[in-house]
Amino acid sequence: MSQTDAQGHDWDDDLDELPRNPWIAPLASTVITLPVAFYALLTSMLMPMACDSCTEEEAHRFDASFGPAFVVSCCGLALSLCVLLASWVCMRKRPAASVFLAVAAPLSVVFTWMLFMGLVDTP
């Protein structure tokens, strides 16, 4: 008889507590996050066309705000993809953390896009 059996711990009960389909949350997050991140990146890349008919003063203000905002956007989207990847990695061993990360990934894309739109000084 091993030491774990002597303590009366039943390992089968622990296996029953794990969710049977831990991949559903990361898959749903992937289906939502990737198109939303693509839209956010496309919007941020096409934003300079919003100032094609600006005056010179408005164009200088826009250019000064667009550079840092685009860097923030790219970093935020990269962070969102890392969170999405982490939700897939945590899927088997820590399903609760995987669900949290799966929910956080699309929310971080939306937060990044809102931050980008707030930082850019559009005319």
Protein backbone atom coordinates (compact mmCIF):
# COMPACT_ATOMS: atom_id res chain seq x y z
CA MET A 1 0.00 0.00 0.00
CA SER A 2 1.43 3.35 -1.00
CA GLN A 3 1.49 6.47 1.10
CA THR A 4 -1.20 8.19 -1.00
CA ASP A 5 -3.56 5.25 -0.59
CA ALA A 6 -3.01 5.33 3.16
CA GLN A 7 -4.24 8.92 3.29
CA GLY A 8 -7.49 7.87 1.65
CA HIS A 9 -7.25 10.22 -1.33
CA ASP A 10 -9.19 9.05 -4.35
CA TRP A 11 -7.58 10.30 -7.57
CA ASP A 12 -10.61 9.36 -9.68
CA ASP A 13 -12.64 12.08 -7.94
CA ASP A 14 -10.12 14.70 -9.07
CA LEU A 15 -10.41 13.54 -12.66
CA ASP A 16 -14.21 13.80 -12.52
CA GLU A 17 -13.98 17.47 -11.48
CA LEU A 18 -12.11 18.49 -14.64
CA PRO A 19 -14.29 19.73 -17.50
CA ARG A 20 -14.78 17.25 -20.30
CA ASN A 21 -14.40 19.78 -23.14
CA PRO A 22 -11.79 22.32 -22.06
CA TRP A 23 -11.16 23.40 -25.65
CA ILE A 24 -14.54 25.12 -26.13
CA ALA A 25 -13.60 28.43 -24.45
CA PRO A 26 -10.29 28.88 -26.33
CA LEU A 27 -11.96 27.93 -29.61
CA ALA A 28 -14.79 30.41 -29.12
CA SER A 29 -12.26 33.05 -28.15
CA THR A 30 -10.22 32.35 -31.27
CA VAL A 31 -13.28 32.63 -33.50
CA ILE A 32 -14.09 36.01 -31.94
CA THR A 33 -10.61 37.44 -31.32
CA LEU A 34 -8.96 36.91 -34.70
CA PRO A 35 -11.57 38.72 -36.85
CA VAL A 36 -11.92 41.54 -34.32
CA ALA A 37 -8.12 41.93 -34.13
CA PHE A 38 -7.93 41.98 -37.92
CA TYR A 39 -10.59 44.71 -38.06
CA ALA A 40 -8.77 46.73 -35.36
CA LEU A 41 -5.45 46.44 -37.21
CA LEU A 42 -7.05 47.35 -40.53
CA THR A 43 -8.77 50.36 -38.98
CA SER A 44 -5.56 51.58 -37.40
CA MET A 45 -3.58 51.11 -40.60
CA LEU A 46 -6.13 52.99 -42.71
CA MET A 47 -6.55 55.82 -40.21
CA PRO A 48 -4.01 58.13 -41.97
CA MET A 49 -6.45 58.40 -44.88
CA ALA A 50 -8.82 60.24 -42.55
CA CYS A 51 -6.53 63.24 -42.75
CA ASP A 52 -6.06 63.44 -46.53
CA SER A 53 -8.03 66.68 -46.83
CA CYS A 54 -6.75 68.27 -43.61
CA THR A 55 -5.12 71.63 -43.30
CA GLU A 56 -1.41 71.68 -42.58
CA GLU A 57 -1.93 72.40 -38.88
CA GLU A 58 -4.45 69.55 -38.49
CA ALA A 59 -2.13 67.21 -40.38
CA HIS A 60 0.77 67.99 -38.02
CA ARG A 61 -1.41 67.34 -34.96
CA PHE A 62 -2.67 64.10 -36.50
CA ASP A 63 0.81 62.89 -37.42
CA ALA A 64 2.14 63.68 -33.96
CA SER A 65 -0.61 61.64 -32.32
CA PHE A 66 -0.79 58.80 -34.86
CA GLY A 67 2.77 57.48 -34.39
CA PRO A 68 2.54 56.67 -30.68
CA ALA A 69 -1.07 55.52 -31.02
CA PHE A 70 -0.14 53.04 -33.76
CA VAL A 71 2.66 51.62 -31.60
CA VAL A 72 0.18 51.22 -28.73
CA SER A 73 -2.25 49.53 -31.10
CA CYS A 74 0.31 47.05 -32.41
CA CYS A 75 1.58 46.22 -28.91
CA GLY A 76 -1.95 45.80 -27.59
CA LEU A 77 -2.91 43.48 -30.44
CA ALA A 78 0.25 41.43 -29.91
CA LEU A 79 -0.60 41.18 -26.22
CA SER A 80 -4.11 40.03 -27.13
CA LEU A 81 -2.72 37.27 -29.32
CA CYS A 82 -0.38 36.20 -26.51
CA VAL A 83 -3.35 36.01 -24.13
CA LEU A 84 -5.22 33.92 -26.70
CA LEU A 85 -2.25 31.57 -27.04
CA ALA A 86 -1.99 31.31 -23.26
CA SER A 87 -5.63 30.25 -23.09
CA TRP A 88 -4.83 27.33 -25.39
CA VAL A 89 -1.73 26.41 -23.38
CA CYS A 90 -3.59 26.43 -20.04
CA MET A 91 -6.49 24.45 -21.44
CA ARG A 92 -5.70 21.02 -19.94
CA LYS A 93 -3.94 21.75 -16.66
CA ARG A 94 -5.80 24.88 -15.54
CA PRO A 95 -9.21 25.06 -17.21
CA ALA A 96 -10.43 27.95 -15.02
CA ALA A 97 -7.44 30.07 -16.03
CA SER A 98 -8.03 29.08 -19.63
CA VAL A 99 -11.60 30.36 -19.52
CA PHE A 100 -10.45 33.61 -17.90
CA LEU A 101 -7.79 34.12 -20.58
CA ALA A 102 -10.22 33.18 -23.33
CA VAL A 103 -12.59 35.91 -22.16
CA ALA A 104 -9.75 38.41 -21.70
CA ALA A 105 -8.40 38.03 -25.26
CA PRO A 106 -11.28 39.66 -27.20
CA LEU A 107 -11.82 42.19 -24.42
CA SER A 108 -8.19 43.27 -24.68
CA VAL A 109 -8.61 43.76 -28.45
CA VAL A 110 -11.62 46.01 -27.86
CA PHE A 111 -9.77 47.91 -25.13
CA THR A 112 -6.75 48.35 -27.43
CA TRP A 113 -8.92 49.69 -30.23
CA MET A 114 -10.67 52.12 -27.89
CA LEU A 115 -7.31 53.28 -26.56
CA PHE A 116 -6.01 53.79 -30.10
CA MET A 117 -9.07 55.81 -31.07
CA GLY A 118 -8.69 57.91 -27.92
CA LEU A 119 -5.02 58.64 -28.58
CA VAL A 120 -5.38 59.68 -32.23
CA ASP A 121 -6.26 63.34 -32.72
CA THR A 122 -8.64 63.05 -35.67
CA PRO A 123 -9.75 66.24 -37.39
